[in-house]
Amino acid sequence: MASEGQGGAITSVEAFVLVVMTAILVAIAVPSYAAIRDRGNDSNARAQLRQAGDAAEMYRADRGSYAGLSPASLVLHDSELDASDYRLGSVSARTYCLETAVGGRKWHLVAPAGDLRRGGC
């Protein structure tokens, strides 16, 4: 004979335990997802800057200096680049600072040293 309370319905205590367990899982998963997403965005930004840096070096090889370098001139040397993804913070005959943002996180490349760092120029 089955005792009372062992039917298909769940009790309020069981429901509370289920809610608490779900909240704990969400509290663990959301920050992990955010960190993974940020690492992916950072990786994309660094790859984009390296590709744009290669185009800037082609520009310098053609002209003898970085003077006149612009996002549009990068596209002339690499058609896969999108000029709207880049901003030049400073340009001189010997150096430049190129900036991009992916997922709201800014990165910049200072050349010719090739330093890739977080933040703007």
N, C-alpha and C. Protein backbone atom coordinates (compact mmCIF):
# COMPACT_ATOMS: atom_id res chain seq x y z
N MET A 1 0.84 -1.16 0.00
CA MET A 1 0.00 0.00 0.00
C MET A 1 0.89 1.24 0.00
N ALA A 2 0.63 2.17 -0.91
CA ALA A 2 1.41 3.41 -1.02
C ALA A 2 1.00 4.38 0.07
N SER A 3 2.02 5.04 0.63
CA SER A 3 1.70 6.03 1.67
C SER A 3 1.37 7.36 1.02
N GLU A 4 0.66 8.19 1.78
CA GLU A 4 0.29 9.51 1.27
C GLU A 4 1.54 10.34 1.09
N GLY A 5 1.52 11.29 0.13
CA GLY A 5 2.63 12.19 -0.10
C GLY A 5 3.64 11.65 -1.10
N GLN A 6 3.47 10.42 -1.58
CA GLN A 6 4.41 9.90 -2.56
C GLN A 6 3.81 9.92 -3.95
N GLY A 7 2.88 10.83 -4.18
CA GLY A 7 2.26 10.96 -5.49
C GLY A 7 3.18 11.70 -6.44
N GLY A 8 2.64 12.16 -7.56
CA GLY A 8 3.42 12.84 -8.58
C GLY A 8 3.71 14.30 -8.29
N ALA A 9 3.06 14.91 -7.35
CA ALA A 9 3.25 16.32 -7.08
C ALA A 9 4.52 16.53 -6.26
N ILE A 10 5.18 17.70 -6.47
CA ILE A 10 6.37 18.01 -5.67
C ILE A 10 5.97 18.94 -4.54
N THR A 11 6.68 18.84 -3.47
CA THR A 11 6.37 19.68 -2.31
C THR A 11 7.06 21.04 -2.48
N SER A 12 6.66 21.97 -1.63
CA SER A 12 7.26 23.30 -1.70
C SER A 12 8.73 23.25 -1.31
N VAL A 13 9.13 22.34 -0.45
CA VAL A 13 10.55 22.20 -0.09
C VAL A 13 11.34 21.71 -1.29
N GLU A 14 10.81 20.75 -2.01
CA GLU A 14 11.48 20.24 -3.20
C GLU A 14 11.60 21.34 -4.26
N ALA A 15 10.54 22.12 -4.42
CA ALA A 15 10.57 23.22 -5.38
C ALA A 15 11.61 24.25 -4.97
N PHE A 16 11.71 24.56 -3.68
CA PHE A 16 12.69 25.52 -3.18
C PHE A 16 14.10 25.01 -3.44
N VAL A 17 14.36 23.74 -3.18
CA VAL A 17 15.68 23.15 -3.41
C VAL A 17 16.02 23.21 -4.90
N LEU A 18 15.06 22.96 -5.75
CA LEU A 18 15.27 23.03 -7.20
C LEU A 18 15.63 24.45 -7.63
N VAL A 19 14.94 25.43 -7.09
CA VAL A 19 15.21 26.84 -7.42
C VAL A 19 16.61 27.23 -6.94
N VAL A 20 16.98 26.82 -5.74
CA VAL A 20 18.30 27.15 -5.20
C VAL A 20 19.40 26.50 -6.05
N MET A 21 19.22 25.26 -6.42
CA MET A 21 20.22 24.57 -7.25
C MET A 21 20.36 25.24 -8.62
N THR A 22 19.24 25.65 -9.19
CA THR A 22 19.28 26.34 -10.47
C THR A 22 20.01 27.67 -10.34
N ALA A 23 19.75 28.40 -9.27
CA ALA A 23 20.41 29.69 -9.05
C ALA A 23 21.91 29.50 -8.89
N ILE A 24 22.33 28.47 -8.21
CA ILE A 24 23.76 28.20 -8.03
C ILE A 24 24.41 27.89 -9.38
N LEU A 25 23.77 27.07 -10.19
CA LEU A 25 24.31 26.75 -11.50
C LEU A 25 24.42 27.99 -12.38
N VAL A 26 23.41 28.85 -12.35
CA VAL A 26 23.45 30.09 -13.13
C VAL A 26 24.57 31.00 -12.61
N ALA A 27 24.73 31.09 -11.30
CA ALA A 27 25.77 31.93 -10.71
C ALA A 27 27.17 31.45 -11.12
N ILE A 28 27.32 30.19 -11.37
CA ILE A 28 28.61 29.64 -11.83
C ILE A 28 28.77 29.82 -13.33
N ALA A 29 27.72 29.56 -14.08
CA ALA A 29 27.81 29.54 -15.54
C ALA A 29 27.95 30.93 -16.17
N VAL A 30 27.23 31.92 -15.67
CA VAL A 30 27.23 33.24 -16.31
C VAL A 30 28.62 33.88 -16.29
N PRO A 31 29.31 33.95 -15.16
CA PRO A 31 30.66 34.52 -15.20
C PRO A 31 31.62 33.73 -16.08
N SER A 32 31.49 32.42 -16.09
CA SER A 32 32.35 31.60 -16.95
C SER A 32 32.09 31.92 -18.42
N TYR A 33 30.83 32.04 -18.79
CA TYR A 33 30.49 32.38 -20.16
C TYR A 33 31.04 33.76 -20.52
N ALA A 34 30.89 34.72 -19.62
CA ALA A 34 31.38 36.08 -19.88
C ALA A 34 32.90 36.07 -20.08
N ALA A 35 33.61 35.31 -19.27
CA ALA A 35 35.07 35.25 -19.41
C ALA A 35 35.46 34.61 -20.73
N ILE A 36 34.77 33.56 -21.13
CA ILE A 36 35.06 32.91 -22.41
C ILE A 36 34.78 33.85 -23.56
N ARG A 37 33.66 34.57 -23.48
CA ARG A 37 33.30 35.53 -24.53
C ARG A 37 34.36 36.63 -24.63
N ASP A 38 34.81 37.16 -23.48
CA ASP A 38 35.81 38.22 -23.48
C ASP A 38 37.13 37.73 -24.06
N ARG A 39 37.54 36.52 -23.73
CA ARG A 39 38.78 35.97 -24.30
C ARG A 39 38.66 35.83 -25.82
N GLY A 40 37.50 35.41 -26.28
CA GLY A 40 37.27 35.31 -27.73
C GLY A 40 37.33 36.66 -28.40
N ASN A 41 36.69 37.66 -27.80
CA ASN A 41 36.72 39.01 -28.36
C ASN A 41 38.15 39.56 -28.38
N ASP A 42 38.90 39.32 -27.31
CA ASP A 42 40.29 39.79 -27.25
C ASP A 42 41.12 39.12 -28.34
N SER A 43 40.92 37.84 -28.53
CA SER A 43 41.65 37.11 -29.56
C SER A 43 41.33 37.66 -30.95
N ASN A 44 40.05 37.94 -31.21
CA ASN A 44 39.64 38.52 -32.50
C ASN A 44 40.26 39.89 -32.70
N ALA A 45 40.26 40.73 -31.66
CA ALA A 45 40.83 42.07 -31.78
C ALA A 45 42.32 42.00 -32.09
N ARG A 46 43.04 41.13 -31.38
CA ARG A 46 44.48 41.01 -31.63
C ARG A 46 44.75 40.52 -33.05
N ALA A 47 43.97 39.55 -33.53
CA ALA A 47 44.14 39.04 -34.89
C ALA A 47 43.86 40.13 -35.92
N GLN A 48 42.81 40.92 -35.69
CA GLN A 48 42.49 42.02 -36.61
C GLN A 48 43.61 43.04 -36.64
N LEU A 49 44.17 43.37 -35.47
CA LEU A 49 45.25 44.36 -35.43
C LEU A 49 46.51 43.83 -36.11
N ARG A 50 46.80 42.56 -35.94
CA ARG A 50 47.97 41.99 -36.62
C ARG A 50 47.80 42.07 -38.14
N GLN A 51 46.59 41.75 -38.61
CA GLN A 51 46.32 41.81 -40.05
C GLN A 51 46.43 43.26 -40.54
N ALA A 52 45.87 44.21 -39.79
CA ALA A 52 45.96 45.61 -40.18
C ALA A 52 47.40 46.10 -40.10
N GLY A 53 48.15 45.60 -39.12
CA GLY A 53 49.57 45.96 -39.00
C GLY A 53 50.36 45.50 -40.21
N ASP A 54 50.05 44.32 -40.70
CA ASP A 54 50.71 43.83 -41.92
C ASP A 54 50.41 44.76 -43.10
N ALA A 55 49.16 45.22 -43.19
CA ALA A 55 48.79 46.15 -44.27
C ALA A 55 49.53 47.48 -44.10
N ALA A 56 49.69 47.93 -42.87
CA ALA A 56 50.43 49.18 -42.61
C ALA A 56 51.89 49.03 -43.01
N GLU A 57 52.46 47.86 -42.77
CA GLU A 57 53.86 47.63 -43.17
C GLU A 57 53.99 47.61 -44.69
N MET A 58 52.98 47.08 -45.40
CA MET A 58 52.99 47.13 -46.86
C MET A 58 52.90 48.58 -47.34
N TYR A 59 52.08 49.38 -46.65
CA TYR A 59 51.95 50.81 -46.97
C TYR A 59 53.32 51.48 -46.84
N ARG A 60 54.01 51.22 -45.70
CA ARG A 60 55.32 51.84 -45.47
C ARG A 60 56.33 51.36 -46.51
N ALA A 61 56.27 50.10 -46.88
CA ALA A 61 57.20 49.58 -47.89
C ALA A 61 56.98 50.27 -49.24
N ASP A 62 55.73 50.57 -49.57
CA ASP A 62 55.41 51.25 -50.83
C ASP A 62 55.82 52.72 -50.81
N ARG A 63 55.64 53.40 -49.68
CA ARG A 63 55.81 54.85 -49.61
C ARG A 63 57.06 55.31 -48.85
N GLY A 64 57.69 54.41 -48.13
CA GLY A 64 58.89 54.78 -47.40
C GLY A 64 58.65 55.34 -46.01
N SER A 65 57.40 55.58 -45.64
CA SER A 65 57.06 56.04 -44.29
C SER A 65 55.58 55.76 -44.02
N TYR A 66 55.19 55.99 -42.75
CA TYR A 66 53.78 55.82 -42.38
C TYR A 66 52.97 57.09 -42.61
N ALA A 67 53.61 58.19 -42.98
CA ALA A 67 52.91 59.47 -43.18
C ALA A 67 51.77 59.27 -44.17
N GLY A 68 50.59 59.75 -43.82
CA GLY A 68 49.42 59.62 -44.68
C GLY A 68 48.63 58.34 -44.47
N LEU A 69 49.11 57.48 -43.58
CA LEU A 69 48.42 56.22 -43.30
C LEU A 69 47.02 56.50 -42.75
N SER A 70 46.04 55.78 -43.26
CA SER A 70 44.65 55.93 -42.80
C SER A 70 43.98 54.56 -42.85
N PRO A 71 42.84 54.42 -42.18
CA PRO A 71 42.12 53.14 -42.29
C PRO A 71 41.80 52.79 -43.74
N ALA A 72 41.47 53.80 -44.55
CA ALA A 72 41.16 53.53 -45.96
C ALA A 72 42.39 53.02 -46.71
N SER A 73 43.57 53.54 -46.38
CA SER A 73 44.78 53.06 -47.07
C SER A 73 45.13 51.64 -46.64
N LEU A 74 44.72 51.24 -45.43
CA LEU A 74 44.93 49.85 -45.02
C LEU A 74 44.14 48.91 -45.92
N VAL A 75 42.92 49.32 -46.24
CA VAL A 75 42.04 48.49 -47.07
C VAL A 75 42.62 48.35 -48.48
N LEU A 76 43.31 49.38 -48.95
CA LEU A 76 43.93 49.29 -50.28
C LEU A 76 45.01 48.21 -50.31
N HIS A 77 45.63 47.95 -49.16
CA HIS A 77 46.68 46.95 -49.09
C HIS A 77 46.16 45.58 -48.64
N ASP A 78 44.95 45.54 -48.09
CA ASP A 78 44.34 44.26 -47.70
C ASP A 78 42.82 44.42 -47.81
N SER A 79 42.26 43.90 -48.86
CA SER A 79 40.83 44.09 -49.14
C SER A 79 39.92 43.39 -48.14
N GLU A 80 40.47 42.51 -47.31
CA GLU A 80 39.64 41.83 -46.31
C GLU A 80 39.37 42.72 -45.09
N LEU A 81 40.11 43.81 -44.95
CA LEU A 81 39.91 44.72 -43.82
C LEU A 81 38.71 45.61 -44.06
N ASP A 82 38.07 46.04 -42.98
CA ASP A 82 36.97 46.99 -43.03
C ASP A 82 37.45 48.27 -42.35
N ALA A 83 37.58 49.35 -43.10
CA ALA A 83 38.14 50.59 -42.58
C ALA A 83 37.37 51.10 -41.36
N SER A 84 36.08 50.80 -41.27
CA SER A 84 35.29 51.29 -40.14
C SER A 84 35.63 50.58 -38.83
N ASP A 85 36.39 49.49 -38.90
CA ASP A 85 36.79 48.75 -37.69
C ASP A 85 38.01 49.34 -37.01
N TYR A 86 38.67 50.31 -37.64
CA TYR A 86 39.95 50.81 -37.14
C TYR A 86 39.93 52.32 -36.97
N ARG A 87 40.75 52.75 -36.01
CA ARG A 87 40.98 54.18 -35.79
C ARG A 87 42.47 54.37 -35.57
N LEU A 88 43.03 55.38 -36.21
CA LEU A 88 44.44 55.69 -36.00
C LEU A 88 44.54 56.78 -34.94
N GLY A 89 45.21 56.46 -33.85
CA GLY A 89 45.36 57.42 -32.77
C GLY A 89 46.43 58.45 -33.08
N SER A 90 47.51 58.02 -33.66
CA SER A 90 48.59 58.93 -34.04
C SER A 90 49.36 58.30 -35.19
N VAL A 91 49.85 59.16 -36.06
CA VAL A 91 50.64 58.71 -37.20
C VAL A 91 51.77 59.70 -37.41
N SER A 92 52.96 59.20 -37.57
CA SER A 92 54.10 60.03 -37.98
C SER A 92 54.83 59.27 -39.07
N ALA A 93 55.91 59.81 -39.55
CA ALA A 93 56.66 59.13 -40.61
C ALA A 93 57.22 57.80 -40.13
N ARG A 94 57.51 57.68 -38.81
CA ARG A 94 58.17 56.48 -38.29
C ARG A 94 57.30 55.59 -37.40
N THR A 95 56.19 56.08 -36.90
CA THR A 95 55.35 55.30 -35.98
C THR A 95 53.87 55.54 -36.25
N TYR A 96 53.07 54.66 -35.68
CA TYR A 96 51.62 54.84 -35.68
C TYR A 96 51.03 54.08 -34.51
N CYS A 97 49.82 54.45 -34.15
CA CYS A 97 49.05 53.72 -33.15
C CYS A 97 47.70 53.43 -33.76
N LEU A 98 47.39 52.16 -33.91
CA LEU A 98 46.16 51.70 -34.55
C LEU A 98 45.28 51.05 -33.50
N GLU A 99 44.01 51.38 -33.51
CA GLU A 99 43.09 50.92 -32.47
C GLU A 99 41.89 50.22 -33.08
N THR A 100 41.39 49.21 -32.39
CA THR A 100 40.14 48.55 -32.77
C THR A 100 39.41 48.14 -31.51
N ALA A 101 38.12 47.90 -31.65
CA ALA A 101 37.31 47.44 -30.51
C ALA A 101 36.45 46.27 -30.98
N VAL A 102 36.44 45.23 -30.18
CA VAL A 102 35.61 44.05 -30.45
C VAL A 102 34.87 43.73 -29.16
N GLY A 103 33.55 43.67 -29.23
CA GLY A 103 32.76 43.37 -28.05
C GLY A 103 32.90 44.42 -26.96
N GLY A 104 33.14 45.67 -27.37
CA GLY A 104 33.26 46.76 -26.39
C GLY A 104 34.62 46.84 -25.71
N ARG A 105 35.54 45.97 -26.07
CA ARG A 105 36.88 45.99 -25.47
C ARG A 105 37.88 46.51 -26.50
N LYS A 106 38.58 47.59 -26.14
CA LYS A 106 39.53 48.22 -27.06
C LYS A 106 40.91 47.60 -26.92
N TRP A 107 41.59 47.52 -28.07
CA TRP A 107 42.97 47.09 -28.15
C TRP A 107 43.70 48.04 -29.08
N HIS A 108 45.00 48.19 -28.92
CA HIS A 108 45.76 49.01 -29.84
C HIS A 108 47.11 48.37 -30.17
N LEU A 109 47.62 48.76 -31.32
CA LEU A 109 48.91 48.29 -31.82
C LEU A 109 49.77 49.51 -32.03
N VAL A 110 50.93 49.53 -31.38
CA VAL A 110 51.90 50.60 -31.57
C VAL A 110 53.03 50.03 -32.43
N ALA A 111 53.28 50.67 -33.54
CA ALA A 111 54.28 50.14 -34.47
C ALA A 111 55.33 51.20 -34.76
N PRO A 112 56.50 50.81 -35.13
CA PRO A 112 56.87 49.49 -35.63
C PRO A 112 57.22 48.47 -34.56
N ALA A 113 57.17 48.83 -33.27
CA ALA A 113 57.52 47.88 -32.21
C ALA A 113 56.61 46.66 -32.21
N GLY A 114 55.35 46.83 -32.60
CA GLY A 114 54.43 45.72 -32.65
C GLY A 114 53.77 45.40 -31.32
N ASP A 115 53.77 46.36 -30.39
CA ASP A 115 53.15 46.13 -29.09
C ASP A 115 51.64 46.11 -29.20
N LEU A 116 51.02 45.00 -28.81
CA LEU A 116 49.56 44.87 -28.76
C LEU A 116 49.16 44.98 -27.30
N ARG A 117 48.28 45.96 -27.00
CA ARG A 117 47.86 46.16 -25.62
C ARG A 117 46.39 46.51 -25.54
N ARG A 118 45.81 46.22 -24.36
CA ARG A 118 44.41 46.61 -24.11
C ARG A 118 44.32 48.10 -23.95
N GLY A 119 43.18 48.65 -24.34
CA GLY A 119 42.93 50.08 -24.19
C GLY A 119 43.13 50.82 -25.49
N GLY A 120 42.84 52.10 -25.45
CA GLY A 120 42.97 52.93 -26.64
C GLY A 120 44.37 53.48 -26.80
N CYS A 121 44.57 54.13 -27.92
CA CYS A 121 45.89 54.72 -28.23
C CYS A 121 46.26 55.84 -27.27
